[in-house]
Amino acid sequence: MAKKERLIALDVLRGITIASMILVNTPGSWSYVYWPLLHAKWHGFTPTDAVFPFFLFIVGVSIHFAFKNFRPSEHKQAIKKIVKRTFIIFAIGLFLNLFPKFNFETVRYFGVLQRIAIAYGVGATLCLFFNKRILTYITVLILVSYWAILYFFVPENPFGPQTNLVGKIDLYLFGPNHIWKGLGFPFDPEGLLSTVPAIATVLIGALTGSFLSEFSNITVKIKTLLSYGVGLVLLGYIWGFVFPINKSLWSSTFVCFSAGWAMIILAFLIWIIDQKKYTAWSKPFIHFGTNPLFIFVFSGLYAKTIIYLIKITNSQGEIVSAKQYLYQDIFFPIAGNMNGSLLFAVAHILFFWCLVYLLHRNKIFIKI
């Protein structure tokens, strides 16, 4: 088997995505967050909505580079690797949902890592057995079928917050106790049915990886990425008039729109890094990008630890969580409510960067 290629611009995009995840997931207070750092309430698209699909897109590109040189005789070995990694990522996601209370009666079954696990597992298996042409057909079939299923199975208001088929299936299979309630009612934005189009996001990433491998000329790579990226953005926008762009539903239009922007930004990074050779600025993101899942899991455990497990007496003599103490007694006096909440998140990006920098400097790459 030939040596795997490494696309530095992809590592940088992965690192930017992980840093962005920390930024949007770790405000000092959820009551004080600037709108670009919040998800769209239902239909629509904000910069924050791009973070998760960008990561899945990157997973797809990485799948191509990881498995493109596997021979048929190595497929059994590859399947074992895929199944093992899928199970581990899903189990870690479930553990994060349980931590630190471990209440199995109300545990949320799905989540970000669970979606990554399923989309990776199915996407990698498809990429292992099918060529680019068949993968394109499968991607189109997923996107069109998902739209048709949601539209025709719920005749009235098929894309409404409490009337869509995605939420109905999760409620029927898992019950309200095991579903996220962040919207004010039981609805899981990483639920079962909406994970299917997330597989299409991975496949678009894998198809992107295939033509990045085909073209050796950097200019051709950039132009190809830009043409496909702009095309997908326009497709998602126009299709959105009948099937709204919606992250919570992971609508087919959301897949096209977000994947298109991922291609455009990747093209820009290849131009900056590979063609113009402006690389010094990218090193911190390379550090994030080479230990992505580890730092995501660690940041999740850390966030819950400072909320639920560590208590501190604040300046008013009250016993509060470590997070509340850091925000109210340190960051709020420096910058106020909104900027203090943002500064809290930025400070944590720097904190986690110190950790990934040390791992990178010591050549420690924790694979999950």
Protein backbone atom coordinates (compact mmCIF):
# COMPACT_ATOMS: atom_id res chain seq x y z
CA MET A 1 0.00 0.00 0.00
CA ALA A 2 1.38 3.40 -0.98
CA LYS A 3 2.14 6.08 1.56
CA LYS A 4 -0.87 8.26 2.42
CA GLU A 5 -0.92 11.83 1.11
CA ARG A 6 -1.21 14.70 3.56
CA LEU A 7 -2.96 17.90 2.51
CA ILE A 8 -1.73 20.68 4.81
CA ALA A 9 -4.57 23.01 3.83
CA LEU A 10 -6.99 20.31 4.99
CA ASP A 11 -5.24 20.12 8.38
CA VAL A 12 -5.56 23.90 8.65
CA LEU A 13 -9.27 23.82 7.75
CA ARG A 14 -9.76 21.04 10.30
CA GLY A 15 -7.95 23.10 12.92
CA ILE A 16 -10.00 26.21 12.15
CA THR A 17 -13.14 24.10 12.49
CA ILE A 18 -12.10 22.67 15.87
CA ALA A 19 -11.14 26.12 17.17
CA SER A 20 -14.51 27.41 15.95
CA MET A 21 -16.28 24.56 17.77
CA ILE A 22 -14.60 25.64 21.01
CA LEU A 23 -15.49 29.28 20.33
CA VAL A 24 -19.21 28.64 19.77
CA ASN A 25 -19.56 25.97 22.48
CA THR A 26 -17.78 27.86 25.29
CA PRO A 27 -19.24 31.33 25.86
CA GLY A 28 -18.98 32.78 29.34
CA SER A 29 -22.78 33.03 29.41
CA TRP A 30 -25.35 31.77 26.92
CA SER A 31 -27.37 34.91 27.70
CA TYR A 32 -24.67 37.05 26.10
CA VAL A 33 -23.57 35.75 22.71
CA TYR A 34 -23.18 37.67 19.46
CA TRP A 35 -25.53 36.35 16.76
CA PRO A 36 -22.83 34.92 14.41
CA LEU A 37 -21.83 32.61 17.28
CA LEU A 38 -25.36 31.20 17.63
CA HIS A 39 -27.17 28.65 15.49
CA ALA A 40 -30.15 29.76 13.44
CA LYS A 41 -33.26 29.23 15.57
CA TRP A 42 -34.82 27.03 12.87
CA HIS A 43 -34.63 27.84 9.14
CA GLY A 44 -31.62 29.87 8.05
CA PHE A 45 -27.85 29.78 8.21
CA THR A 46 -25.30 31.50 10.45
CA PRO A 47 -21.49 31.10 10.54
CA THR A 48 -21.95 28.79 13.53
CA ASP A 49 -24.15 26.48 11.45
CA ALA A 50 -21.16 25.86 9.15
CA VAL A 51 -18.93 24.37 11.85
CA PHE A 52 -20.35 20.84 12.14
CA PRO A 53 -20.92 20.19 8.42
CA PHE A 54 -17.40 21.49 7.71
CA PHE A 55 -16.05 18.85 10.08
CA LEU A 56 -18.03 16.07 8.38
CA PHE A 57 -16.90 17.35 4.98
CA ILE A 58 -13.30 17.14 6.20
CA VAL A 59 -13.96 13.60 7.46
CA GLY A 60 -15.03 12.72 3.93
CA VAL A 61 -11.92 14.20 2.32
CA SER A 62 -9.77 12.34 4.85
CA ILE A 63 -11.59 9.07 4.10
CA HIS A 64 -10.57 9.35 0.46
CA PHE A 65 -6.90 9.87 1.29
CA ALA A 66 -6.98 7.12 3.91
CA PHE A 67 -8.51 4.40 1.73
CA LYS A 68 -7.81 5.35 -1.88
CA ASN A 69 -4.82 2.99 -2.16
CA PHE A 70 -6.44 -0.02 -0.46
CA ARG A 71 -6.48 -3.10 -2.67
CA PRO A 72 -9.51 -5.47 -2.71
CA SER A 73 -7.50 -7.97 -0.66
CA GLU A 74 -7.27 -5.34 2.10
CA HIS A 75 -10.99 -4.58 2.27
CA LYS A 76 -11.60 -6.98 5.16
CA GLN A 77 -8.88 -5.28 7.18
CA ALA A 78 -10.32 -1.85 6.31
CA ILE A 79 -13.85 -2.86 7.34
CA LYS A 80 -12.58 -4.02 10.74
CA LYS A 81 -10.85 -0.66 11.17
CA ILE A 82 -13.99 1.25 10.17
CA VAL A 83 -16.29 -0.75 12.47
CA LYS A 84 -13.90 -0.42 15.41
CA ARG A 85 -13.51 3.33 14.97
CA THR A 86 -17.26 3.82 14.50
CA PHE A 87 -18.02 1.95 17.71
CA ILE A 88 -15.36 3.82 19.72
CA ILE A 89 -16.47 7.29 18.57
CA PHE A 90 -20.15 6.47 19.21
CA ALA A 91 -19.33 5.10 22.68
CA ILE A 92 -17.31 8.18 23.59
CA GLY A 93 -20.22 10.37 22.48
CA LEU A 94 -22.60 8.40 24.69
CA PHE A 95 -20.14 8.69 27.59
CA LEU A 96 -20.00 12.48 27.12
CA ASN A 97 -23.81 12.61 27.30
CA LEU A 98 -23.77 10.58 30.51
CA PHE A 99 -20.93 12.51 32.19
CA PRO A 100 -20.92 13.46 35.03
CA LYS A 101 -24.34 12.35 36.39
CA PHE A 102 -24.58 8.97 34.59
CA ASN A 103 -28.37 8.99 34.68
CA PHE A 104 -29.34 6.25 32.24
CA GLU A 105 -33.06 7.03 32.56
CA THR A 106 -32.65 10.40 30.83
CA VAL A 107 -29.49 9.97 28.79
CA ARG A 108 -29.57 11.44 25.31
CA TYR A 109 -28.72 8.66 22.86
CA PHE A 110 -27.50 10.81 20.00
CA GLY A 111 -25.15 13.77 19.72
CA VAL A 112 -22.30 15.27 17.71
CA LEU A 113 -19.88 12.37 18.13
CA GLN A 114 -22.60 9.80 17.50
CA ARG A 115 -23.43 11.52 14.21
CA ILE A 116 -19.74 11.65 13.29
CA ALA A 117 -19.44 7.94 14.07
CA ILE A 118 -22.41 6.86 11.94
CA ALA A 119 -21.64 9.20 9.04
CA TYR A 120 -18.00 8.12 9.06
CA GLY A 121 -18.84 4.41 9.30
CA VAL A 122 -21.37 4.38 6.48
CA GLY A 123 -19.47 6.90 4.34
CA ALA A 124 -16.14 5.10 4.65
CA THR A 125 -17.71 1.72 3.81
CA LEU A 126 -19.38 3.15 0.70
CA CYS A 127 -16.13 4.80 -0.39
CA LEU A 128 -14.28 1.53 0.04
CA PHE A 129 -16.52 -0.42 -2.34
CA PHE A 130 -17.81 2.10 -4.90
CA ASN A 131 -16.13 4.31 -7.46
CA LYS A 132 -16.60 8.06 -7.86
CA ARG A 133 -19.47 7.78 -10.33
CA ILE A 134 -21.52 5.46 -8.09
CA LEU A 135 -20.78 7.59 -5.03
CA THR A 136 -22.13 10.61 -6.91
CA TYR A 137 -25.36 8.72 -7.69
CA ILE A 138 -25.67 7.62 -4.05
CA THR A 139 -25.17 11.19 -2.82
CA VAL A 140 -27.84 12.56 -5.17
CA LEU A 141 -30.20 9.71 -4.22
CA ILE A 142 -29.78 10.46 -0.51
CA LEU A 143 -30.43 14.18 -0.93
CA VAL A 144 -33.47 13.83 -3.20
CA SER A 145 -34.97 10.92 -1.23
CA TYR A 146 -34.59 12.74 2.09
CA TRP A 147 -36.45 15.76 0.70
CA ALA A 148 -39.20 13.54 -0.72
CA ILE A 149 -39.60 11.53 2.51
CA LEU A 150 -39.94 14.64 4.67
CA TYR A 151 -42.26 16.36 2.20
CA PHE A 152 -44.66 13.54 1.31
CA PHE A 153 -44.91 11.73 4.68
CA VAL A 154 -46.10 14.86 6.49
CA PRO A 155 -48.66 16.59 4.25
CA GLU A 156 -49.09 19.71 6.41
CA ASN A 157 -46.11 21.84 7.45
CA PRO A 158 -43.50 19.11 6.71
CA PHE A 159 -40.56 21.28 7.80
CA GLY A 160 -42.04 22.79 10.97
CA PRO A 161 -40.25 22.52 14.33
CA GLN A 162 -42.79 20.14 15.90
CA THR A 163 -44.45 18.65 12.82
CA ASN A 164 -41.52 17.24 10.82
CA LEU A 165 -40.92 13.52 10.35
CA VAL A 166 -37.40 13.70 11.84
CA GLY A 167 -38.71 14.59 15.29
CA LYS A 168 -41.67 12.23 15.06
CA ILE A 169 -39.40 9.22 14.38
CA ASP A 170 -37.05 10.03 17.27
CA LEU A 171 -39.97 10.50 19.66
CA TYR A 172 -41.54 7.22 18.57
CA LEU A 173 -38.31 5.19 18.83
CA PHE A 174 -36.65 6.72 21.88
CA GLY A 175 -39.28 8.64 23.81
CA PRO A 176 -39.00 12.22 25.11
CA ASN A 177 -36.61 11.32 27.96
CA HIS A 178 -33.76 10.44 25.60
CA ILE A 179 -34.01 13.39 23.23
CA TRP A 180 -32.40 16.84 23.41
CA LYS A 181 -34.75 19.59 24.62
CA GLY A 182 -32.69 22.67 23.79
CA LEU A 183 -35.41 24.12 21.56
CA GLY A 184 -37.95 24.08 24.37
CA PHE A 185 -39.49 20.78 23.25
CA PRO A 186 -38.10 17.29 22.55
CA PHE A 187 -36.23 17.43 19.26
CA ASP A 188 -32.77 16.08 18.51
CA PRO A 189 -30.76 17.99 15.87
CA GLU A 190 -28.48 14.95 15.67
CA GLY A 191 -31.32 12.44 15.52
CA LEU A 192 -31.60 9.19 13.58
CA LEU A 193 -33.26 10.14 10.28
CA SER A 194 -31.39 13.44 9.91
CA THR A 195 -28.10 11.54 10.16
CA VAL A 196 -28.80 10.07 6.71
CA PRO A 197 -28.18 13.35 4.82
CA ALA A 198 -25.13 13.88 7.06
CA ILE A 199 -23.71 10.81 5.29
CA ALA A 200 -24.12 12.77 2.05
CA THR A 201 -21.98 15.55 3.56
CA VAL A 202 -19.23 12.97 4.15
CA LEU A 203 -19.60 11.60 0.61
CA ILE A 204 -19.29 15.09 -0.91
CA GLY A 205 -16.08 15.44 1.07
CA ALA A 206 -14.83 12.11 -0.26
CA LEU A 207 -15.68 13.13 -3.84
CA THR A 208 -13.80 16.37 -3.22
CA GLY A 209 -10.80 14.36 -2.07
CA SER A 210 -10.95 12.28 -5.26
CA PHE A 211 -10.56 15.22 -7.63
CA LEU A 212 -7.93 16.81 -5.38
CA SER A 213 -5.94 13.61 -5.96
CA GLU A 214 -6.63 13.60 -9.70
CA PHE A 215 -5.21 17.06 -10.39
CA SER A 216 -1.54 17.75 -9.67
CA ASN A 217 -1.70 21.38 -10.80
CA ILE A 218 -2.58 23.65 -7.86
CA THR A 219 -4.37 26.21 -10.03
CA VAL A 220 -6.59 23.50 -11.49
CA LYS A 221 -7.39 22.24 -7.98
CA ILE A 222 -8.37 25.73 -6.85
CA LYS A 223 -10.52 26.45 -9.91
CA THR A 224 -12.26 23.06 -9.65
CA LEU A 225 -13.00 23.56 -5.96
CA LEU A 226 -14.34 27.04 -6.59
CA SER A 227 -16.57 25.97 -9.49
CA TYR A 228 -18.11 23.05 -7.60
CA GLY A 229 -18.32 25.11 -4.40
CA VAL A 230 -20.14 28.03 -5.99
CA GLY A 231 -22.42 25.59 -7.82
CA LEU A 232 -23.41 23.82 -4.60
CA VAL A 233 -23.98 27.10 -2.76
CA LEU A 234 -26.29 28.28 -5.54
CA LEU A 235 -28.06 24.91 -5.68
CA GLY A 236 -28.65 24.95 -1.94
CA TYR A 237 -29.90 28.54 -2.02
CA ILE A 238 -32.30 28.03 -4.96
CA TRP A 239 -33.57 24.65 -3.73
CA GLY A 240 -34.05 26.34 -0.36
CA PHE A 241 -37.16 28.11 -1.65
CA VAL A 242 -39.00 24.75 -1.50
CA PHE A 243 -36.83 22.89 1.03
CA PRO A 244 -35.51 25.43 3.56
CA ILE A 245 -31.86 25.47 4.59
CA ASN A 246 -32.06 24.05 8.11
CA LYS A 247 -29.25 22.65 10.26
CA SER A 248 -31.57 21.03 12.81
CA LEU A 249 -33.19 18.96 10.04
CA TRP A 250 -29.84 18.71 8.20
CA SER A 251 -31.89 19.45 5.11
CA SER A 252 -30.56 18.50 1.69
CA THR A 253 -30.25 22.21 0.93
CA PHE A 254 -28.19 22.64 4.09
CA VAL A 255 -25.89 19.84 2.87
CA CYS A 256 -25.36 21.54 -0.49
CA PHE A 257 -25.01 25.06 0.91
CA SER A 258 -22.54 24.16 3.68
CA ALA A 259 -20.47 21.77 1.55
CA GLY A 260 -20.22 24.45 -1.14
CA TRP A 261 -18.82 26.93 1.35
CA ALA A 262 -16.41 24.29 2.67
CA MET A 263 -15.07 23.84 -0.87
CA ILE A 264 -14.72 27.58 -1.38
CA ILE A 265 -12.81 28.05 1.88
CA LEU A 266 -10.62 25.00 1.20
CA ALA A 267 -9.79 26.48 -2.23
CA PHE A 268 -8.80 29.75 -0.54
CA LEU A 269 -6.58 27.89 1.95
CA ILE A 270 -4.86 25.91 -0.83
CA TRP A 271 -4.23 29.19 -2.66
CA ILE A 272 -2.79 30.86 0.46
CA ILE A 273 -0.79 27.90 1.78
CA ASP A 274 0.24 25.87 -1.26
CA GLN A 275 0.40 28.47 -3.99
CA LYS A 276 1.39 31.68 -2.18
CA LYS A 277 3.36 29.87 0.56
CA TYR A 278 1.96 32.05 3.36
CA THR A 279 2.15 29.43 6.10
CA ALA A 280 3.38 31.03 9.34
CA TRP A 281 -0.14 32.10 10.41
CA SER A 282 -1.50 28.57 10.00
CA LYS A 283 0.68 26.75 12.54
CA PRO A 284 -1.72 27.05 15.52
CA PHE A 285 -4.50 25.60 13.38
CA ILE A 286 -2.26 22.73 12.26
CA HIS A 287 -1.77 21.96 15.95
CA PHE A 288 -5.55 21.81 16.44
CA GLY A 289 -6.00 19.87 13.20
CA THR A 290 -3.66 17.02 14.07
CA ASN A 291 -5.49 16.05 17.29
CA PRO A 292 -9.07 17.06 16.42
CA LEU A 293 -11.32 14.47 18.05
CA PHE A 294 -9.15 14.28 21.16
CA ILE A 295 -9.36 18.01 21.80
CA PHE A 296 -13.10 18.04 21.04
CA VAL A 297 -13.71 15.27 23.60
CA PHE A 298 -11.37 16.84 26.15
CA SER A 299 -13.03 20.26 25.76
CA GLY A 300 -16.45 18.63 26.28
CA LEU A 301 -15.33 16.91 29.47
CA TYR A 302 -13.67 20.11 30.67
CA ALA A 303 -16.81 22.20 30.04
CA LYS A 304 -18.99 19.84 32.07
CA THR A 305 -16.38 19.60 34.82
CA ILE A 306 -16.25 23.36 35.45
CA ILE A 307 -20.05 23.52 35.41
CA TYR A 308 -21.03 20.51 37.52
CA LEU A 309 -18.03 19.28 39.52
CA ILE A 310 -15.90 22.27 40.57
CA LYS A 311 -17.46 24.81 42.94
CA ILE A 312 -15.80 28.07 44.04
CA THR A 313 -16.75 30.83 46.50
CA ASN A 314 -17.11 34.07 44.54
CA SER A 315 -16.48 37.67 45.63
CA GLN A 316 -20.01 37.89 47.10
CA GLY A 317 -19.41 34.83 49.29
CA GLU A 318 -21.69 32.60 47.16
CA ILE A 319 -20.72 29.09 46.15
CA VAL A 320 -20.95 28.95 42.36
CA SER A 321 -19.68 26.75 39.56
CA ALA A 322 -16.13 27.31 38.34
CA LYS A 323 -17.50 28.51 35.00
CA GLN A 324 -19.77 31.07 36.65
CA TYR A 325 -16.88 32.24 38.82
CA LEU A 326 -14.52 32.65 35.86
CA TYR A 327 -17.06 34.60 33.86
CA GLN A 328 -18.55 36.81 36.59
CA ASP A 329 -15.42 37.48 38.70
CA ILE A 330 -12.73 37.58 36.01
CA PHE A 331 -13.97 38.15 32.47
CA PHE A 332 -17.07 40.28 33.14
CA PRO A 333 -15.12 42.94 35.15
CA ILE A 334 -12.61 43.18 32.28
CA ALA A 335 -14.95 43.43 29.30
CA GLY A 336 -18.60 43.51 30.38
CA ASN A 337 -21.37 41.08 29.51
CA MET A 338 -21.12 40.49 25.76
CA ASN A 339 -17.39 41.01 25.29
CA GLY A 340 -16.62 39.26 28.58
CA SER A 341 -18.55 36.21 27.39
CA LEU A 342 -16.64 36.30 24.09
CA LEU A 343 -13.30 36.81 25.86
CA PHE A 344 -14.07 33.75 28.02
CA ALA A 345 -14.42 31.63 24.85
CA VAL A 346 -11.29 33.09 23.22
CA ALA A 347 -9.27 32.46 26.39
CA HIS A 348 -10.33 28.82 26.27
CA ILE A 349 -9.24 28.52 22.66
CA LEU A 350 -5.79 29.70 23.78
CA PHE A 351 -5.87 27.30 26.73
CA PHE A 352 -6.69 24.31 24.52
CA TRP A 353 -4.16 25.45 21.92
CA CYS A 354 -1.42 25.24 24.57
CA LEU A 355 -2.41 21.62 25.11
CA VAL A 356 -2.46 20.66 21.42
CA TYR A 357 0.81 22.55 20.86
CA LEU A 358 2.52 20.46 23.52
CA LEU A 359 1.11 17.28 21.98
CA HIS A 360 2.26 18.34 18.51
CA ARG A 361 5.74 19.36 19.68
CA ASN A 362 6.20 15.98 21.33
CA LYS A 363 4.80 14.20 18.25
CA ILE A 364 1.87 12.79 20.22
CA PHE A 365 -1.10 12.21 17.92
CA ILE A 366 -4.04 10.65 19.75
CA LYS A 367 -6.12 8.70 17.25
CA ILE A 368 -9.76 7.99 18.06
